[in-house]
Amino acid sequence: DVSVEEMGLGSDHLPIKYVLDLELSLETSARFNPKSMDDDKFLEILQHELGKPITQIETQQELDEAMDAVMEALVRAVEGSTKRRRPCAHSKRWWTKELTGLVK
């Protein structure tokens, strides 16, 4: 819906008002906690997912496919080796396990 607003603001320009009827999907997922990553497991999964190294890339399409494969392998490796954060309303992002140990 579009309309021109007749507001007397002392200007020769008239504001245009846009009303958009949109449905927004707010999909949130828990973020990964990099401090919980198991490095050995990450490397093991990554090596398994990548398989044989690519020896020769000749076209843009082959490059795009290779990059997609690398990105998918990285995502799977992170998902398989890293815990997700459990966000809460009172969480402090700067707080670490080391600080918890110092408090005790």
C-alpha atoms as a PDB file:
ATOM      1  CA  ASP A   1       0.000   0.000   0.000  1.00  0.00           C
ATOM      2  CA  VAL A   2       1.434   3.389  -0.987  1.00  0.00           C
ATOM      3  CA  SER A   3       0.092   6.805  -0.050  1.00  0.00           C
ATOM      4  CA  VAL A   4       1.247  10.425  -0.151  1.00  0.00           C
ATOM      5  CA  GLU A   5       0.959  12.107   3.228  1.00  0.00           C
ATOM      6  CA  GLU A   6      -0.379  15.666   3.227  1.00  0.00           C
ATOM      7  CA  MET A   7       1.571  17.016   6.186  1.00  0.00           C
ATOM      8  CA  GLY A   8       2.323  20.705   6.464  1.00  0.00           C
ATOM      9  CA  LEU A   9       5.967  20.669   7.457  1.00  0.00           C
ATOM     10  CA  GLY A  10       6.909  23.824   5.605  1.00  0.00           C
ATOM     11  CA  SER A  11       8.495  21.884   2.749  1.00  0.00           C
ATOM     12  CA  ASP A  12       7.593  21.581  -0.901  1.00  0.00           C
ATOM     13  CA  HIS A  13       8.295  17.836  -0.670  1.00  0.00           C
ATOM     14  CA  LEU A  14       5.529  15.448   0.302  1.00  0.00           C
ATOM     15  CA  PRO A  15       6.482  12.268   2.172  1.00  0.00           C
ATOM     16  CA  ILE A  16       5.532   8.945   0.622  1.00  0.00           C
ATOM     17  CA  LYS A  17       4.365   6.267   3.030  1.00  0.00           C
ATOM     18  CA  TYR A  18       4.896   2.586   2.157  1.00  0.00           C
ATOM     19  CA  VAL A  19       3.080  -0.127   4.064  1.00  0.00           C
ATOM     20  CA  LEU A  20       4.439  -3.613   3.413  1.00  0.00           C
ATOM     21  CA  ASP A  21       2.548  -6.686   4.515  1.00  0.00           C
ATOM     22  CA  LEU A  22       5.370  -9.173   5.032  1.00  0.00           C
ATOM     23  CA  GLU A  23       5.625 -12.345   7.017  1.00  0.00           C
ATOM     24  CA  LEU A  24       8.955 -12.643   8.755  1.00  0.00           C
ATOM     25  CA  SER A  25      10.305 -15.940   9.861  1.00  0.00           C
ATOM     26  CA  LEU A  26      12.530 -15.491  12.868  1.00  0.00           C
ATOM     27  CA  GLU A  27      14.486 -18.684  12.871  1.00  0.00           C
ATOM     28  CA  THR A  28      17.104 -18.726  15.548  1.00  0.00           C
ATOM     29  CA  SER A  29      19.369 -21.562  16.432  1.00  0.00           C
ATOM     30  CA  ALA A  30      21.838 -21.891  19.233  1.00  0.00           C
ATOM     31  CA  ARG A  31      25.288 -20.753  18.215  1.00  0.00           C
ATOM     32  CA  PHE A  32      28.326 -22.958  18.472  1.00  0.00           C
ATOM     33  CA  ASN A  33      30.626 -22.616  21.461  1.00  0.00           C
ATOM     34  CA  PRO A  34      34.145 -22.549  19.958  1.00  0.00           C
ATOM     35  CA  LYS A  35      35.691 -23.131  23.390  1.00  0.00           C
ATOM     36  CA  SER A  36      34.064 -26.577  23.483  1.00  0.00           C
ATOM     37  CA  MET A  37      35.484 -27.739  20.133  1.00  0.00           C
ATOM     38  CA  ASP A  38      37.252 -31.090  20.172  1.00  0.00           C
ATOM     39  CA  ASP A  39      40.160 -30.329  17.820  1.00  0.00           C
ATOM     40  CA  ASP A  40      41.062 -33.961  17.157  1.00  0.00           C
ATOM     41  CA  LYS A  41      37.471 -34.882  16.353  1.00  0.00           C
ATOM     42  CA  PHE A  42      37.150 -31.807  14.103  1.00  0.00           C
ATOM     43  CA  LEU A  43      40.215 -32.836  12.074  1.00  0.00           C
ATOM     44  CA  GLU A  44      39.060 -36.456  11.892  1.00  0.00           C
ATOM     45  CA  ILE A  45      35.621 -35.486  10.557  1.00  0.00           C
ATOM     46  CA  LEU A  46      37.085 -32.927   8.157  1.00  0.00           C
ATOM     47  CA  GLN A  47      39.554 -35.423   6.680  1.00  0.00           C
ATOM     48  CA  HIS A  48      36.775 -37.995   6.284  1.00  0.00           C
ATOM     49  CA  GLU A  49      34.416 -35.486   4.633  1.00  0.00           C
ATOM     50  CA  LEU A  50      36.994 -34.103   2.213  1.00  0.00           C
ATOM     51  CA  GLY A  51      38.190 -37.499   1.026  1.00  0.00           C
ATOM     52  CA  LYS A  52      40.773 -37.393  -1.753  1.00  0.00           C
ATOM     53  CA  PRO A  53      42.409 -34.038  -2.495  1.00  0.00           C
ATOM     54  CA  ILE A  54      41.366 -32.314  -5.701  1.00  0.00           C
ATOM     55  CA  THR A  55      44.308 -32.304  -8.074  1.00  0.00           C
ATOM     56  CA  GLN A  56      43.146 -30.175 -10.970  1.00  0.00           C
ATOM     57  CA  ILE A  57      40.385 -27.602 -11.432  1.00  0.00           C
ATOM     58  CA  GLU A  58      39.876 -26.356 -14.959  1.00  0.00           C
ATOM     59  CA  THR A  59      36.528 -24.550 -15.037  1.00  0.00           C
ATOM     60  CA  GLN A  60      34.639 -22.063 -12.912  1.00  0.00           C
ATOM     61  CA  GLN A  61      31.955 -24.692 -12.306  1.00  0.00           C
ATOM     62  CA  GLU A  62      34.531 -27.170 -10.981  1.00  0.00           C
ATOM     63  CA  LEU A  63      35.903 -24.470  -8.682  1.00  0.00           C
ATOM     64  CA  ASP A  64      32.413 -23.629  -7.405  1.00  0.00           C
ATOM     65  CA  GLU A  65      31.654 -27.306  -6.774  1.00  0.00           C
ATOM     66  CA  ALA A  66      34.959 -27.789  -4.962  1.00  0.00           C
ATOM     67  CA  MET A  67      34.323 -24.752  -2.759  1.00  0.00           C
ATOM     68  CA  ASP A  68      30.790 -25.971  -1.970  1.00  0.00           C
ATOM     69  CA  ALA A  69      32.241 -29.341  -0.943  1.00  0.00           C
ATOM     70  CA  VAL A  70      34.828 -27.667   1.302  1.00  0.00           C
ATOM     71  CA  MET A  71      32.170 -25.472   2.940  1.00  0.00           C
ATOM     72  CA  GLU A  72      29.882 -28.467   3.557  1.00  0.00           C
ATOM     73  CA  ALA A  73      32.796 -30.432   5.016  1.00  0.00           C
ATOM     74  CA  LEU A  74      33.659 -27.566   7.374  1.00  0.00           C
ATOM     75  CA  VAL A  75      30.051 -27.258   8.527  1.00  0.00           C
ATOM     76  CA  ARG A  76      29.798 -31.003   9.201  1.00  0.00           C
ATOM     77  CA  ALA A  77      33.111 -30.975  11.062  1.00  0.00           C
ATOM     78  CA  VAL A  78      32.004 -28.105  13.299  1.00  0.00           C
ATOM     79  CA  GLU A  79      28.598 -29.706  13.910  1.00  0.00           C
ATOM     80  CA  GLY A  80      30.216 -33.012  14.835  1.00  0.00           C
ATOM     81  CA  SER A  81      32.927 -31.634  17.108  1.00  0.00           C
ATOM     82  CA  THR A  82      31.480 -28.567  18.793  1.00  0.00           C
ATOM     83  CA  LYS A  83      28.747 -28.128  21.380  1.00  0.00           C
ATOM     84  CA  ARG A  84      26.142 -25.442  20.979  1.00  0.00           C
ATOM     85  CA  ARG A  85      25.718 -22.640  23.461  1.00  0.00           C
ATOM     86  CA  ARG A  86      22.695 -22.643  25.713  1.00  0.00           C
ATOM     87  CA  PRO A  87      21.633 -19.004  25.699  1.00  0.00           C
ATOM     88  CA  CYS A  88      19.662 -17.574  28.571  1.00  0.00           C
ATOM     89  CA  ALA A  89      18.421 -14.129  29.478  1.00  0.00           C
ATOM     90  CA  HIS A  90      21.169 -13.628  32.054  1.00  0.00           C
ATOM     91  CA  SER A  91      24.137 -15.058  30.171  1.00  0.00           C
ATOM     92  CA  LYS A  92      27.417 -13.190  30.191  1.00  0.00           C
ATOM     93  CA  ARG A  93      29.347 -13.796  26.975  1.00  0.00           C
ATOM     94  CA  TRP A  94      32.630 -12.758  28.553  1.00  0.00           C
ATOM     95  CA  TRP A  95      32.361 -15.315  31.395  1.00  0.00           C
ATOM     96  CA  THR A  96      34.626 -18.348  31.007  1.00  0.00           C
ATOM     97  CA  LYS A  97      35.197 -21.642  32.819  1.00  0.00           C
ATOM     98  CA  GLU A  98      38.499 -20.184  34.043  1.00  0.00           C
ATOM     99  CA  LEU A  99      36.651 -17.350  35.786  1.00  0.00           C
ATOM    100  CA  THR A 100      34.289 -19.869  37.372  1.00  0.00           C
ATOM    101  CA  GLY A 101      37.321 -21.746  38.707  1.00  0.00           C
ATOM    102  CA  LEU A 102      38.791 -18.552  40.154  1.00  0.00           C
ATOM    103  CA  VAL A 103      35.573 -17.762  42.007  1.00  0.00           C
ATOM    104  CA  LYS A 104      35.551 -21.143  43.797  1.00  0.00           C
END
